[in-house]
Amino acid sequence: MLDRIRIAERYTRSAAAAVTAVAALVLAAYAGPAETRTDSRPDVQRQATAPAADAVRTAAR
């Protein structure tokens, strides 16, 4: 048979659950999007695609 839970214990458990829920919501609200990692060599990408872009512009003329 189930034992009766004291009213103080029930309120303590519900208060702890409420504090945990609020803490989780606050942490979720302040969690911003992850910062993107920037390439340390951004010019390498531009140089790799620049000849192809020039060829497309030349062909379009």
PDB file of N, CA and C in Angstrom:
ATOM      1  N   MET A   1       0.834  -1.173   0.000  1.00  0.00           N
ATOM      2  CA  MET A   1       0.000   0.000   0.000  1.00  0.00           C
ATOM      3  C   MET A   1       0.887   1.246   0.000  1.00  0.00           C
ATOM      4  N   LEU A   2       0.432   2.274  -0.661  1.00  0.00           N
ATOM      5  CA  LEU A   2       1.200   3.510  -0.744  1.00  0.00           C
ATOM      6  C   LEU A   2       1.165   4.266   0.566  1.00  0.00           C
ATOM      7  N   ASP A   3       2.315   4.793   0.950  1.00  0.00           N
ATOM      8  CA  ASP A   3       2.372   5.606   2.151  1.00  0.00           C
ATOM      9  C   ASP A   3       1.936   7.024   1.814  1.00  0.00           C
ATOM     10  N   ARG A   4       1.333   7.653   2.774  1.00  0.00           N
ATOM     11  CA  ARG A   4       0.922   9.043   2.566  1.00  0.00           C
ATOM     12  C   ARG A   4       2.146   9.944   2.656  1.00  0.00           C
ATOM     13  N   ILE A   5       2.219  10.900   1.752  1.00  0.00           N
ATOM     14  CA  ILE A   5       3.321  11.855   1.749  1.00  0.00           C
ATOM     15  C   ILE A   5       2.879  13.081   2.547  1.00  0.00           C
ATOM     16  N   ARG A   6       3.756  13.523   3.398  1.00  0.00           N
ATOM     17  CA  ARG A   6       3.414  14.702   4.200  1.00  0.00           C
ATOM     18  C   ARG A   6       3.253  15.905   3.298  1.00  0.00           C
ATOM     19  N   ILE A   7       2.414  16.824   3.688  1.00  0.00           N
ATOM     20  CA  ILE A   7       2.115  18.013   2.885  1.00  0.00           C
ATOM     21  C   ILE A   7       3.358  18.887   2.709  1.00  0.00           C
ATOM     22  N   ALA A   8       4.194  18.968   3.724  1.00  0.00           N
ATOM     23  CA  ALA A   8       5.417  19.771   3.619  1.00  0.00           C
ATOM     24  C   ALA A   8       6.362  19.174   2.579  1.00  0.00           C
ATOM     25  N   GLU A   9       6.438  17.853   2.529  1.00  0.00           N
ATOM     26  CA  GLU A   9       7.296  17.206   1.546  1.00  0.00           C
ATOM     27  C   GLU A   9       6.767  17.434   0.132  1.00  0.00           C
ATOM     28  N   ARG A  10       5.455  17.394  -0.017  1.00  0.00           N
ATOM     29  CA  ARG A  10       4.863  17.635  -1.327  1.00  0.00           C
ATOM     30  C   ARG A  10       5.146  19.059  -1.802  1.00  0.00           C
ATOM     31  N   TYR A  11       4.984  20.027  -0.912  1.00  0.00           N
ATOM     32  CA  TYR A  11       5.264  21.414  -1.285  1.00  0.00           C
ATOM     33  C   TYR A  11       6.748  21.627  -1.578  1.00  0.00           C
ATOM     34  N   THR A  12       7.605  20.966  -0.831  1.00  0.00           N
ATOM     35  CA  THR A  12       9.041  21.080  -1.059  1.00  0.00           C
ATOM     36  C   THR A  12       9.415  20.535  -2.432  1.00  0.00           C
ATOM     37  N   ARG A  13       8.848  19.403  -2.792  1.00  0.00           N
ATOM     38  CA  ARG A  13       9.131  18.818  -4.107  1.00  0.00           C
ATOM     39  C   ARG A  13       8.622  19.713  -5.233  1.00  0.00           C
ATOM     40  N   SER A  14       7.432  20.250  -5.066  1.00  0.00           N
ATOM     41  CA  SER A  14       6.885  21.105  -6.125  1.00  0.00           C
ATOM     42  C   SER A  14       7.658  22.415  -6.229  1.00  0.00           C
ATOM     43  N   ALA A  15       8.107  22.955  -5.112  1.00  0.00           N
ATOM     44  CA  ALA A  15       8.909  24.179  -5.151  1.00  0.00           C
ATOM     45  C   ALA A  15      10.255  23.915  -5.832  1.00  0.00           C
ATOM     46  N   ALA A  16      10.868  22.772  -5.549  1.00  0.00           N
ATOM     47  CA  ALA A  16      12.138  22.431  -6.185  1.00  0.00           C
ATOM     48  C   ALA A  16      11.951  22.229  -7.693  1.00  0.00           C
ATOM     49  N   ALA A  17      10.848  21.623  -8.082  1.00  0.00           N
ATOM     50  CA  ALA A  17      10.570  21.435  -9.508  1.00  0.00           C
ATOM     51  C   ALA A  17      10.339  22.775 -10.195  1.00  0.00           C
ATOM     52  N   ALA A  18       9.657  23.685  -9.519  1.00  0.00           N
ATOM     53  CA  ALA A  18       9.398  25.005 -10.091  1.00  0.00           C
ATOM     54  C   ALA A  18      10.699  25.794 -10.256  1.00  0.00           C
ATOM     55  N   VAL A  19      11.575  25.734  -9.261  1.00  0.00           N
ATOM     56  CA  VAL A  19      12.861  26.433  -9.352  1.00  0.00           C
ATOM     57  C   VAL A  19      13.698  25.854 -10.488  1.00  0.00           C
ATOM     58  N   THR A  20      13.685  24.544 -10.623  1.00  0.00           N
ATOM     59  CA  THR A  20      14.431  23.894 -11.704  1.00  0.00           C
ATOM     60  C   THR A  20      13.879  24.301 -13.061  1.00  0.00           C
ATOM     61  N   ALA A  21      12.558  24.352 -13.184  1.00  0.00           N
ATOM     62  CA  ALA A  21      11.947  24.730 -14.457  1.00  0.00           C
ATOM     63  C   ALA A  21      12.259  26.178 -14.822  1.00  0.00           C
ATOM     64  N   VAL A  22      12.193  27.065 -13.861  1.00  0.00           N
ATOM     65  CA  VAL A  22      12.496  28.472 -14.119  1.00  0.00           C
ATOM     66  C   VAL A  22      13.963  28.634 -14.501  1.00  0.00           C
ATOM     67  N   ALA A  23      14.842  27.941 -13.813  1.00  0.00           N
ATOM     68  CA  ALA A  23      16.276  28.018 -14.138  1.00  0.00           C
ATOM     69  C   ALA A  23      16.535  27.519 -15.551  1.00  0.00           C
ATOM     70  N   ALA A  24      15.876  26.440 -15.945  1.00  0.00           N
ATOM     71  CA  ALA A  24      16.048  25.919 -17.300  1.00  0.00           C
ATOM     72  C   ALA A  24      15.532  26.916 -18.339  1.00  0.00           C
ATOM     73  N   LEU A  25      14.402  27.543 -18.070  1.00  0.00           N
ATOM     74  CA  LEU A  25      13.853  28.526 -19.011  1.00  0.00           C
ATOM     75  C   LEU A  25      14.737  29.763 -19.116  1.00  0.00           C
ATOM     76  N   VAL A  26      15.286  30.207 -17.999  1.00  0.00           N
ATOM     77  CA  VAL A  26      16.168  31.375 -18.027  1.00  0.00           C
ATOM     78  C   VAL A  26      17.443  31.058 -18.800  1.00  0.00           C
ATOM     79  N   LEU A  27      18.011  29.898 -18.557  1.00  0.00           N
ATOM     80  CA  LEU A  27      19.220  29.516 -19.291  1.00  0.00           C
ATOM     81  C   LEU A  27      18.937  29.370 -20.779  1.00  0.00           C
ATOM     82  N   ALA A  28      17.791  28.842 -21.129  1.00  0.00           N
ATOM     83  CA  ALA A  28      17.436  28.690 -22.544  1.00  0.00           C
ATOM     84  C   ALA A  28      17.202  30.046 -23.202  1.00  0.00           C
ATOM     85  N   ALA A  29      16.650  30.985 -22.451  1.00  0.00           N
ATOM     86  CA  ALA A  29      16.382  32.311 -23.012  1.00  0.00           C
ATOM     87  C   ALA A  29      17.665  33.072 -23.293  1.00  0.00           C
ATOM     88  N   TYR A  30      18.669  32.884 -22.451  1.00  0.00           N
ATOM     89  CA  TYR A  30      19.923  33.607 -22.630  1.00  0.00           C
ATOM     90  C   TYR A  30      20.923  32.865 -23.505  1.00  0.00           C
ATOM     91  N   ALA A  31      20.595  31.668 -23.912  1.00  0.00           N
ATOM     92  CA  ALA A  31      21.491  30.914 -24.777  1.00  0.00           C
ATOM     93  C   ALA A  31      21.337  31.439 -26.196  1.00  0.00           C
ATOM     94  N   GLY A  32      22.339  32.100 -26.683  1.00  0.00           N
ATOM     95  CA  GLY A  32      22.299  32.634 -28.040  1.00  0.00           C
ATOM     96  C   GLY A  32      22.747  31.588 -29.041  1.00  0.00           C
ATOM     97  N   PRO A  33      22.653  31.926 -30.293  1.00  0.00           N
ATOM     98  CA  PRO A  33      23.133  30.987 -31.309  1.00  0.00           C
ATOM     99  C   PRO A  33      24.646  30.816 -31.205  1.00  0.00           C
ATOM    100  N   ALA A  34      25.104  29.674 -31.581  1.00  0.00           N
ATOM    101  CA  ALA A  34      26.537  29.398 -31.524  1.00  0.00           C
ATOM    102  C   ALA A  34      27.273  30.310 -32.501  1.00  0.00           C
ATOM    103  N   GLU A  35      28.419  30.769 -32.100  1.00  0.00           N
ATOM    104  CA  GLU A  35      29.203  31.619 -32.987  1.00  0.00           C
ATOM    105  C   GLU A  35      29.806  30.779 -34.095  1.00  0.00           C
ATOM    106  N   THR A  36      29.765  31.328 -35.281  1.00  0.00           N
ATOM    107  CA  THR A  36      30.338  30.596 -36.406  1.00  0.00           C
ATOM    108  C   THR A  36      31.853  30.732 -36.384  1.00  0.00           C
ATOM    109  N   ARG A  37      32.502  29.695 -36.800  1.00  0.00           N
ATOM    110  CA  ARG A  37      33.957  29.713 -36.837  1.00  0.00           C
ATOM    111  C   ARG A  37      34.390  30.343 -38.150  1.00  0.00           C
ATOM    112  N   THR A  38      35.179  31.390 -38.055  1.00  0.00           N
ATOM    113  CA  THR A  38      35.641  32.055 -39.266  1.00  0.00           C
ATOM    114  C   THR A  38      36.908  31.390 -39.776  1.00  0.00           C
ATOM    115  N   ASP A  39      37.046  31.401 -41.072  1.00  0.00           N
ATOM    116  CA  ASP A  39      38.232  30.823 -41.688  1.00  0.00           C
ATOM    117  C   ASP A  39      39.406  31.761 -41.444  1.00  0.00           C
ATOM    118  N   SER A  40      40.519  31.214 -41.048  1.00  0.00           N
ATOM    119  CA  SER A  40      41.678  32.050 -40.781  1.00  0.00           C
ATOM    120  C   SER A  40      42.290  32.588 -42.073  1.00  0.00           C
ATOM    121  N   ARG A  41      41.922  31.973 -43.204  1.00  0.00           N
ATOM    122  CA  ARG A  41      42.436  32.423 -44.497  1.00  0.00           C
ATOM    123  C   ARG A  41      41.263  32.709 -45.445  1.00  0.00           C
ATOM    124  N   PRO A  42      40.551  33.802 -45.254  1.00  0.00           N
ATOM    125  CA  PRO A  42      39.380  34.050 -46.104  1.00  0.00           C
ATOM    126  C   PRO A  42      39.749  34.369 -47.551  1.00  0.00           C
ATOM    127  N   ASP A  43      40.962  34.862 -47.801  1.00  0.00           N
ATOM    128  CA  ASP A  43      41.350  35.209 -49.165  1.00  0.00           C
ATOM    129  C   ASP A  43      41.537  33.968 -50.035  1.00  0.00           C
ATOM    130  N   VAL A  44      41.814  32.826 -49.415  1.00  0.00           N
ATOM    131  CA  VAL A  44      42.043  31.610 -50.184  1.00  0.00           C
ATOM    132  C   VAL A  44      40.763  31.208 -50.914  1.00  0.00           C
ATOM    133  N   GLN A  45      39.632  31.337 -50.258  1.00  0.00           N
ATOM    134  CA  GLN A  45      38.372  30.990 -50.896  1.00  0.00           C
ATOM    135  C   GLN A  45      38.076  31.929 -52.058  1.00  0.00           C
ATOM    136  N   ARG A  46      38.312  33.194 -51.866  1.00  0.00           N
ATOM    137  CA  ARG A  46      38.034  34.161 -52.931  1.00  0.00           C
ATOM    138  C   ARG A  46      38.945  33.924 -54.130  1.00  0.00           C
ATOM    139  N   GLN A  47      40.194  33.613 -53.870  1.00  0.00           N
ATOM    140  CA  GLN A  47      41.124  33.375 -54.972  1.00  0.00           C
ATOM    141  C   GLN A  47      40.747  32.106 -55.730  1.00  0.00           C
ATOM    142  N   ALA A  48      40.227  31.133 -55.028  1.00  0.00           N
ATOM    143  CA  ALA A  48      39.879  29.875 -55.682  1.00  0.00           C
ATOM    144  C   ALA A  48      38.665  30.048 -56.585  1.00  0.00           C
ATOM    145  N   THR A  49      37.753  30.935 -56.242  1.00  0.00           N
ATOM    146  CA  THR A  49      36.546  31.095 -57.047  1.00  0.00           C
ATOM    147  C   THR A  49      36.618  32.277 -58.007  1.00  0.00           C
ATOM    148  N   ALA A  50      37.587  33.151 -57.826  1.00  0.00           N
ATOM    149  CA  ALA A  50      37.673  34.338 -58.678  1.00  0.00           C
ATOM    150  C   ALA A  50      37.901  33.994 -60.154  1.00  0.00           C
ATOM    151  N   PRO A  51      38.783  33.081 -60.529  1.00  0.00           N
ATOM    152  CA  PRO A  51      38.946  32.774 -61.958  1.00  0.00           C
ATOM    153  C   PRO A  51      37.655  32.241 -62.586  1.00  0.00           C
ATOM    154  N   ALA A  52      36.907  31.435 -61.850  1.00  0.00           N
ATOM    155  CA  ALA A  52      35.646  30.914 -62.383  1.00  0.00           C
ATOM    156  C   ALA A  52      34.643  32.044 -62.571  1.00  0.00           C
ATOM    157  N   ALA A  53      34.596  32.979 -61.635  1.00  0.00           N
ATOM    158  CA  ALA A  53      33.677  34.103 -61.765  1.00  0.00           C
ATOM    159  C   ALA A  53      34.077  34.984 -62.946  1.00  0.00           C
ATOM    160  N   ASP A  54      35.372  35.192 -63.159  1.00  0.00           N
ATOM    161  CA  ASP A  54      35.830  35.977 -64.300  1.00  0.00           C
ATOM    162  C   ASP A  54      35.475  35.289 -65.612  1.00  0.00           C
ATOM    163  N   ALA A  55      35.587  33.971 -65.649  1.00  0.00           N
ATOM    164  CA  ALA A  55      35.256  33.229 -66.864  1.00  0.00           C
ATOM    165  C   ALA A  55      33.775  33.349 -67.175  1.00  0.00           C
ATOM    166  N   VAL A  56      32.944  33.332 -66.163  1.00  0.00           N
ATOM    167  CA  VAL A  56      31.498  33.459 -66.381  1.00  0.00           C
ATOM    168  C   VAL A  56      31.181  34.852 -66.902  1.00  0.00           C
ATOM    169  N   ARG A  57      31.803  35.872 -66.318  1.00  0.00           N
ATOM    170  CA  ARG A  57      31.560  37.241 -66.791  1.00  0.00           C
ATOM    171  C   ARG A  57      32.043  37.410 -68.231  1.00  0.00           C
ATOM    172  N   THR A  58      33.182  36.830 -68.556  1.00  0.00           N
ATOM    173  CA  THR A  58      33.729  36.946 -69.907  1.00  0.00           C
ATOM    174  C   THR A  58      32.823  36.217 -70.904  1.00  0.00           C
ATOM    175  N   ALA A  59      32.311  35.055 -70.534  1.00  0.00           N
ATOM    176  CA  ALA A  59      31.453  34.282 -71.424  1.00  0.00           C
ATOM    177  C   ALA A  59      30.109  34.970 -71.622  1.00  0.00           C
ATOM    178  N   ALA A  60      29.662  35.725 -70.629  1.00  0.00           N
ATOM    179  CA  ALA A  60      28.363  36.383 -70.730  1.00  0.00           C
ATOM    180  C   ALA A  60      28.416  37.579 -71.670  1.00  0.00           C
ATOM    181  N   ARG A  61      29.588  38.113 -71.916  1.00  0.00           N
ATOM    182  CA  ARG A  61      29.697  39.288 -72.791  1.00  0.00           C
ATOM    183  C   ARG A  61      29.526  38.885 -74.176  1.00  0.00           C
TER     184      ARG A  61
END
